[in-house]
Amino acid sequence: MKIKVKVKPNAKKNEVKKIEEGFYEVRVTVVPEKGKANKKVIELLSKELKVPKSRIKLIRGETSKEKIFEIED
């Protein structure tokens, strides 16, 4: 399954909001440098979707705010 994620770095708190089916907005408190924000997004999605972090892969948008993740079944 693929999901779209809009990331908002430097937020006041970490938060995952489901906008619609397959589309999430994720706010992270970390800065978007050296993949730190991406790691935090994966961690938060893992908790929200109740899947291990190892099954969530960033497939597009490494340096963009609009990202696409693949969640392995």
PDB file of N, CA and C in Angstrom:
ATOM      1  N   MET A   1       0.848  -1.173   0.000  1.00  0.00           N
ATOM      2  CA  MET A   1       0.000   0.000   0.000  1.00  0.00           C
ATOM      3  C   MET A   1       0.894   1.238   0.000  1.00  0.00           C
ATOM      4  N   LYS A   2       0.508   2.234  -0.772  1.00  0.00           N
ATOM      5  CA  LYS A   2       1.256   3.488  -0.822  1.00  0.00           C
ATOM      6  C   LYS A   2       0.419   4.589  -0.187  1.00  0.00           C
ATOM      7  N   ILE A   3       1.111   5.473   0.544  1.00  0.00           N
ATOM      8  CA  ILE A   3       0.419   6.619   1.127  1.00  0.00           C
ATOM      9  C   ILE A   3       1.187   7.886   0.806  1.00  0.00           C
ATOM     10  N   LYS A   4       0.437   8.982   0.677  1.00  0.00           N
ATOM     11  CA  LYS A   4       1.044  10.298   0.475  1.00  0.00           C
ATOM     12  C   LYS A   4       1.129  10.974   1.834  1.00  0.00           C
ATOM     13  N   VAL A   5       2.232  11.683   2.046  1.00  0.00           N
ATOM     14  CA  VAL A   5       2.422  12.363   3.324  1.00  0.00           C
ATOM     15  C   VAL A   5       2.923  13.776   3.068  1.00  0.00           C
ATOM     16  N   LYS A   6       2.280  14.740   3.688  1.00  0.00           N
ATOM     17  CA  LYS A   6       2.762  16.119   3.644  1.00  0.00           C
ATOM     18  C   LYS A   6       3.437  16.374   4.985  1.00  0.00           C
ATOM     19  N   VAL A   7       4.713  16.720   4.946  1.00  0.00           N
ATOM     20  CA  VAL A   7       5.496  16.878   6.174  1.00  0.00           C
ATOM     21  C   VAL A   7       5.661  18.360   6.500  1.00  0.00           C
ATOM     22  N   LYS A   8       5.464  18.673   7.767  1.00  0.00           N
ATOM     23  CA  LYS A   8       5.691  20.039   8.265  1.00  0.00           C
ATOM     24  C   LYS A   8       6.769  19.973   9.341  1.00  0.00           C
ATOM     25  N   PRO A   9       8.023  20.275   8.968  1.00  0.00           N
ATOM     26  CA  PRO A   9       9.112  20.230   9.951  1.00  0.00           C
ATOM     27  C   PRO A   9       9.104  21.453  10.871  1.00  0.00           C
ATOM     28  N   ASN A  10       9.915  21.395  11.915  1.00  0.00           N
ATOM     29  CA  ASN A  10      10.047  22.486  12.895  1.00  0.00           C
ATOM     30  C   ASN A  10       8.722  22.838  13.564  1.00  0.00           C
ATOM     31  N   ALA A  11       7.864  21.858  13.747  1.00  0.00           N
ATOM     32  CA  ALA A  11       6.566  22.091  14.394  1.00  0.00           C
ATOM     33  C   ALA A  11       6.753  22.167  15.908  1.00  0.00           C
ATOM     34  N   LYS A  12       5.713  22.606  16.598  1.00  0.00           N
ATOM     35  CA  LYS A  12       5.783  22.686  18.056  1.00  0.00           C
ATOM     36  C   LYS A  12       5.668  21.323  18.703  1.00  0.00           C
ATOM     37  N   LYS A  13       4.938  20.384  18.031  1.00  0.00           N
ATOM     38  CA  LYS A  13       4.823  19.034  18.583  1.00  0.00           C
ATOM     39  C   LYS A  13       4.721  18.019  17.443  1.00  0.00           C
ATOM     40  N   ASN A  14       5.055  16.782  17.765  1.00  0.00           N
ATOM     41  CA  ASN A  14       4.941  15.701  16.793  1.00  0.00           C
ATOM     42  C   ASN A  14       3.482  15.279  16.713  1.00  0.00           C
ATOM     43  N   GLU A  15       2.990  15.152  15.466  1.00  0.00           N
ATOM     44  CA  GLU A  15       1.563  14.859  15.298  1.00  0.00           C
ATOM     45  C   GLU A  15       1.315  14.234  13.921  1.00  0.00           C
ATOM     46  N   VAL A  16       0.418  13.255  13.885  1.00  0.00           N
ATOM     47  CA  VAL A  16      -0.001  12.637  12.626  1.00  0.00           C
ATOM     48  C   VAL A  16      -1.491  12.873  12.474  1.00  0.00           C
ATOM     49  N   LYS A  17      -1.885  13.436  11.329  1.00  0.00           N
ATOM     50  CA  LYS A  17      -3.286  13.723  11.068  1.00  0.00           C
ATOM     51  C   LYS A  17      -3.686  13.048   9.761  1.00  0.00           C
ATOM     52  N   LYS A  18      -4.731  12.236   9.814  1.00  0.00           N
ATOM     53  CA  LYS A  18      -5.226  11.598   8.592  1.00  0.00           C
ATOM     54  C   LYS A  18      -6.172  12.576   7.902  1.00  0.00           C
ATOM     55  N   ILE A  19      -5.793  13.003   6.709  1.00  0.00           N
ATOM     56  CA  ILE A  19      -6.617  13.954   5.960  1.00  0.00           C
ATOM     57  C   ILE A  19      -7.718  13.208   5.207  1.00  0.00           C
ATOM     58  N   GLU A  20      -7.319  12.160   4.502  1.00  0.00           N
ATOM     59  CA  GLU A  20      -8.270  11.281   3.816  1.00  0.00           C
ATOM     60  C   GLU A  20      -7.607   9.922   3.645  1.00  0.00           C
ATOM     61  N   GLU A  21      -8.302   8.982   3.060  1.00  0.00           N
ATOM     62  CA  GLU A  21      -7.746   7.640   2.878  1.00  0.00           C
ATOM     63  C   GLU A  21      -6.474   7.719   2.035  1.00  0.00           C
ATOM     64  N   GLY A  22      -5.356   7.276   2.614  1.00  0.00           N
ATOM     65  CA  GLY A  22      -4.084   7.272   1.881  1.00  0.00           C
ATOM     66  C   GLY A  22      -3.347   8.598   1.864  1.00  0.00           C
ATOM     67  N   PHE A  23      -3.819   9.590   2.633  1.00  0.00           N
ATOM     68  CA  PHE A  23      -3.147  10.896   2.676  1.00  0.00           C
ATOM     69  C   PHE A  23      -3.069  11.395   4.116  1.00  0.00           C
ATOM     70  N   TYR A  24      -1.850  11.668   4.567  1.00  0.00           N
ATOM     71  CA  TYR A  24      -1.613  12.103   5.948  1.00  0.00           C
ATOM     72  C   TYR A  24      -0.824  13.404   5.976  1.00  0.00           C
ATOM     73  N   GLU A  25      -1.023  14.161   7.047  1.00  0.00           N
ATOM     74  CA  GLU A  25      -0.184  15.325   7.321  1.00  0.00           C
ATOM     75  C   GLU A  25       0.573  14.988   8.604  1.00  0.00           C
ATOM     76  N   VAL A  26       1.888  15.104   8.538  1.00  0.00           N
ATOM     77  CA  VAL A  26       2.719  14.761   9.688  1.00  0.00           C
ATOM     78  C   VAL A  26       3.538  15.986  10.087  1.00  0.00           C
ATOM     79  N   ARG A  27       3.414  16.371  11.348  1.00  0.00           N
ATOM     80  CA  ARG A  27       4.207  17.483  11.886  1.00  0.00           C
ATOM     81  C   ARG A  27       5.304  16.891  12.763  1.00  0.00           C
ATOM     82  N   VAL A  28       6.531  17.353  12.543  1.00  0.00           N
ATOM     83  CA  VAL A  28       7.659  16.871  13.346  1.00  0.00           C
ATOM     84  C   VAL A  28       8.420  18.053  13.926  1.00  0.00           C
ATOM     85  N   THR A  29       8.979  17.845  15.108  1.00  0.00           N
ATOM     86  CA  THR A  29       9.692  18.919  15.795  1.00  0.00           C
ATOM     87  C   THR A  29      11.141  19.054  15.327  1.00  0.00           C
ATOM     88  N   VAL A  30      11.642  18.052  14.604  1.00  0.00           N
ATOM     89  CA  VAL A  30      13.047  18.075  14.186  1.00  0.00           C
ATOM     90  C   VAL A  30      13.239  18.892  12.915  1.00  0.00           C
ATOM     91  N   VAL A  31      14.497  19.296  12.683  1.00  0.00           N
ATOM     92  CA  VAL A  31      14.832  20.071  11.495  1.00  0.00           C
ATOM     93  C   VAL A  31      15.034  19.139  10.301  1.00  0.00           C
ATOM     94  N   PRO A  32      14.721  19.605   9.098  1.00  0.00           N
ATOM     95  CA  PRO A  32      14.836  18.749   7.920  1.00  0.00           C
ATOM     96  C   PRO A  32      16.255  18.709   7.348  1.00  0.00           C
ATOM     97  N   GLU A  33      17.176  18.131   8.106  1.00  0.00           N
ATOM     98  CA  GLU A  33      18.536  18.014   7.582  1.00  0.00           C
ATOM     99  C   GLU A  33      19.097  16.628   7.864  1.00  0.00           C
ATOM    100  N   LYS A  34      19.852  16.116   6.916  1.00  0.00           N
ATOM    101  CA  LYS A  34      20.492  14.788   7.015  1.00  0.00           C
ATOM    102  C   LYS A  34      19.508  13.664   7.304  1.00  0.00           C
ATOM    103  N   GLY A  35      18.270  13.785   6.802  1.00  0.00           N
ATOM    104  CA  GLY A  35      17.292  12.716   6.945  1.00  0.00           C
ATOM    105  C   GLY A  35      16.651  12.582   8.316  1.00  0.00           C
ATOM    106  N   LYS A  36      16.935  13.532   9.222  1.00  0.00           N
ATOM    107  CA  LYS A  36      16.381  13.442  10.580  1.00  0.00           C
ATOM    108  C   LYS A  36      14.858  13.497  10.569  1.00  0.00           C
ATOM    109  N   ALA A  37      14.299  14.409   9.782  1.00  0.00           N
ATOM    110  CA  ALA A  37      12.838  14.549   9.727  1.00  0.00           C
ATOM    111  C   ALA A  37      12.209  13.298   9.121  1.00  0.00           C
ATOM    112  N   ASN A  38      12.833  12.747   8.085  1.00  0.00           N
ATOM    113  CA  ASN A  38      12.292  11.527   7.456  1.00  0.00           C
ATOM    114  C   ASN A  38      12.255  10.371   8.446  1.00  0.00           C
ATOM    115  N   LYS A  39      13.296  10.222   9.257  1.00  0.00           N
ATOM    116  CA  LYS A  39      13.331   9.150  10.253  1.00  0.00           C
ATOM    117  C   LYS A  39      12.215   9.329  11.274  1.00  0.00           C
ATOM    118  N   LYS A  40      11.999  10.567  11.682  1.00  0.00           N
ATOM    119  CA  LYS A  40      10.951  10.856  12.665  1.00  0.00           C
ATOM    120  C   LYS A  40       9.568  10.589  12.061  1.00  0.00           C
ATOM    121  N   VAL A  41       9.384  10.947  10.790  1.00  0.00           N
ATOM    122  CA  VAL A  41       8.106  10.693  10.115  1.00  0.00           C
ATOM    123  C   VAL A  41       7.826   9.191  10.081  1.00  0.00           C
ATOM    124  N   ILE A  42       8.839   8.389   9.742  1.00  0.00           N
ATOM    125  CA  ILE A  42       8.674   6.932   9.707  1.00  0.00           C
ATOM    126  C   ILE A  42       8.310   6.403  11.093  1.00  0.00           C
ATOM    127  N   GLU A  43       8.965   6.934  12.117  1.00  0.00           N
ATOM    128  CA  GLU A  43       8.678   6.522  13.499  1.00  0.00           C
ATOM    129  C   GLU A  43       7.224   6.834  13.869  1.00  0.00           C
ATOM    130  N   LEU A  44       6.758   8.029  13.531  1.00  0.00           N
ATOM    131  CA  LEU A  44       5.389   8.427  13.863  1.00  0.00           C
ATOM    132  C   LEU A  44       4.355   7.637  13.054  1.00  0.00           C
ATOM    133  N   LEU A  45       4.637   7.408  11.775  1.00  0.00           N
ATOM    134  CA  LEU A  45       3.724   6.612  10.947  1.00  0.00           C
ATOM    135  C   LEU A  45       3.639   5.181  11.464  1.00  0.00           C
ATOM    136  N   SER A  46       4.763   4.659  11.929  1.00  0.00           N
ATOM    137  CA  SER A  46       4.815   3.311  12.470  1.00  0.00           C
ATOM    138  C   SER A  46       3.849   3.164  13.651  1.00  0.00           C
ATOM    139  N   LYS A  47       3.865   4.148  14.544  1.00  0.00           N
ATOM    140  CA  LYS A  47       2.961   4.121  15.703  1.00  0.00           C
ATOM    141  C   LYS A  47       1.511   4.291  15.270  1.00  0.00           C
ATOM    142  N   GLU A  48       1.271   5.226  14.363  1.00  0.00           N
ATOM    143  CA  GLU A  48      -0.097   5.518  13.906  1.00  0.00           C
ATOM    144  C   GLU A  48      -0.725   4.332  13.170  1.00  0.00           C
ATOM    145  N   LEU A  49       0.047   3.709  12.282  1.00  0.00           N
ATOM    146  CA  LEU A  49      -0.477   2.617  11.449  1.00  0.00           C
ATOM    147  C   LEU A  49      -0.286   1.240  12.079  1.00  0.00           C
ATOM    148  N   LYS A  50       0.412   1.213  13.212  1.00  0.00           N
ATOM    149  CA  LYS A  50       0.679  -0.038  13.944  1.00  0.00           C
ATOM    150  C   LYS A  50       1.394  -1.087  13.084  1.00  0.00           C
ATOM    151  N   VAL A  51       2.453  -0.629  12.409  1.00  0.00           N
ATOM    152  CA  VAL A  51       3.320  -1.530  11.640  1.00  0.00           C
ATOM    153  C   VAL A  51       4.766  -1.256  12.046  1.00  0.00           C
ATOM    154  N   PRO A  52       5.639  -2.249  11.937  1.00  0.00           N
ATOM    155  CA  PRO A  52       7.040  -2.021  12.283  1.00  0.00           C
ATOM    156  C   PRO A  52       7.694  -0.992  11.339  1.00  0.00           C
ATOM    157  N   LYS A  53       8.630  -0.223  11.892  1.00  0.00           N
ATOM    158  CA  LYS A  53       9.329   0.788  11.088  1.00  0.00           C
ATOM    159  C   LYS A  53      10.009   0.176   9.868  1.00  0.00           C
ATOM    160  N   SER A  54      10.460  -1.067  10.009  1.00  0.00           N
ATOM    161  CA  SER A  54      11.176  -1.734   8.915  1.00  0.00           C
ATOM    162  C   SER A  54      10.280  -1.994   7.695  1.00  0.00           C
ATOM    163  N   ARG A  55       8.964  -1.918   7.869  1.00  0.00           N
ATOM    164  CA  ARG A  55       8.040  -2.156   6.760  1.00  0.00           C
ATOM    165  C   ARG A  55       7.581  -0.876   6.083  1.00  0.00           C
ATOM    166  N   ILE A  56       8.105   0.273   6.531  1.00  0.00           N
ATOM    167  CA  ILE A  56       7.750   1.558   5.928  1.00  0.00           C
ATOM    168  C   ILE A  56       8.966   2.075   5.161  1.00  0.00           C
ATOM    169  N   LYS A  57       8.772   2.325   3.871  1.00  0.00           N
ATOM    170  CA  LYS A  57       9.871   2.769   3.004  1.00  0.00           C
ATOM    171  C   LYS A  57       9.512   4.071   2.307  1.00  0.00           C
ATOM    172  N   LEU A  58      10.440   5.016   2.329  1.00  0.00           N
ATOM    173  CA  LEU A  58      10.261   6.260   1.594  1.00  0.00           C
ATOM    174  C   LEU A  58      10.618   5.981   0.138  1.00  0.00           C
ATOM    175  N   ILE A  59       9.659   6.135  -0.765  1.00  0.00           N
ATOM    176  CA  ILE A  59       9.967   5.834  -2.163  1.00  0.00           C
ATOM    177  C   ILE A  59      10.064   7.080  -3.045  1.00  0.00           C
ATOM    178  N   ARG A  60       9.520   8.219  -2.591  1.00  0.00           N
ATOM    179  CA  ARG A  60       9.668   9.441  -3.367  1.00  0.00           C
ATOM    180  C   ARG A  60       9.548  10.667  -2.466  1.00  0.00           C
ATOM    181  N   GLY A  61      10.377  11.680  -2.744  1.00  0.00           N
ATOM    182  CA  GLY A  61      10.285  12.944  -2.027  1.00  0.00           C
ATOM    183  C   GLY A  61      11.237  13.090  -0.859  1.00  0.00           C
ATOM    184  N   GLU A  62      12.422  12.521  -0.979  1.00  0.00           N
ATOM    185  CA  GLU A  62      13.378  12.549   0.138  1.00  0.00           C
ATOM    186  C   GLU A  62      13.654  13.962   0.652  1.00  0.00           C
ATOM    187  N   THR A  63      13.759  14.942  -0.267  1.00  0.00           N
ATOM    188  CA  THR A  63      14.047  16.316   0.160  1.00  0.00           C
ATOM    189  C   THR A  63      12.844  17.244  -0.007  1.00  0.00           C
ATOM    190  N   SER A  64      11.691  16.673  -0.331  1.00  0.00           N
ATOM    191  CA  SER A  64      10.480  17.459  -0.545  1.00  0.00           C
ATOM    192  C   SER A  64       9.567  17.352   0.674  1.00  0.00           C
ATOM    193  N   LYS A  65       8.632  18.291   0.806  1.00  0.00           N
ATOM    194  CA  LYS A  65       7.651  18.192   1.890  1.00  0.00           C
ATOM    195  C   LYS A  65       6.556  17.194   1.534  1.00  0.00           C
ATOM    196  N   GLU A  66       6.358  16.978   0.228  1.00  0.00           N
ATOM    197  CA  GLU A  66       5.383  15.994  -0.256  1.00  0.00           C
ATOM    198  C   GLU A  66       6.117  14.677  -0.477  1.00  0.00           C
ATOM    199  N   LYS A  67       5.757  13.652   0.252  1.00  0.00           N
ATOM    200  CA  LYS A  67       6.466  12.371   0.177  1.00  0.00           C
ATOM    201  C   LYS A  67       5.497  11.232  -0.104  1.00  0.00           C
ATOM    202  N   ILE A  68       6.036  10.159  -0.654  1.00  0.00           N
ATOM    203  CA  ILE A  68       5.248   8.946  -0.845  1.00  0.00           C
ATOM    204  C   ILE A  68       5.980   7.810  -0.146  1.00  0.00           C
ATOM    205  N   PHE A  69       5.247   7.130   0.732  1.00  0.00           N
ATOM    206  CA  PHE A  69       5.784   5.995   1.476  1.00  0.00           C
ATOM    207  C   PHE A  69       5.079   4.736   1.026  1.00  0.00           C
ATOM    208  N   GLU A  70       5.806   3.632   1.070  1.00  0.00           N
ATOM    209  CA  GLU A  70       5.213   2.330   0.788  1.00  0.00           C
ATOM    210  C   GLU A  70       5.223   1.530   2.080  1.00  0.00           C
ATOM    211  N   ILE A  71       4.059   0.964   2.399  1.00  0.00           N
ATOM    212  CA  ILE A  71       3.947   0.119   3.584  1.00  0.00           C
ATOM    213  C   ILE A  71       3.783  -1.303   3.084  1.00  0.00           C
ATOM    214  N   GLU A  72       4.753  -2.148   3.425  1.00  0.00           N
ATOM    215  CA  GLU A  72       4.729  -3.542   2.987  1.00  0.00           C
ATOM    216  C   GLU A  72       3.713  -4.328   3.799  1.00  0.00           C
ATOM    217  N   ASP A  73       3.009  -5.224   3.132  1.00  0.00           N
ATOM    218  CA  ASP A  73       2.002  -6.062   3.810  1.00  0.00           C
ATOM    219  C   ASP A  73       2.647  -7.176   4.593  1.00  0.00           C
TER     220      ASP A  73
END
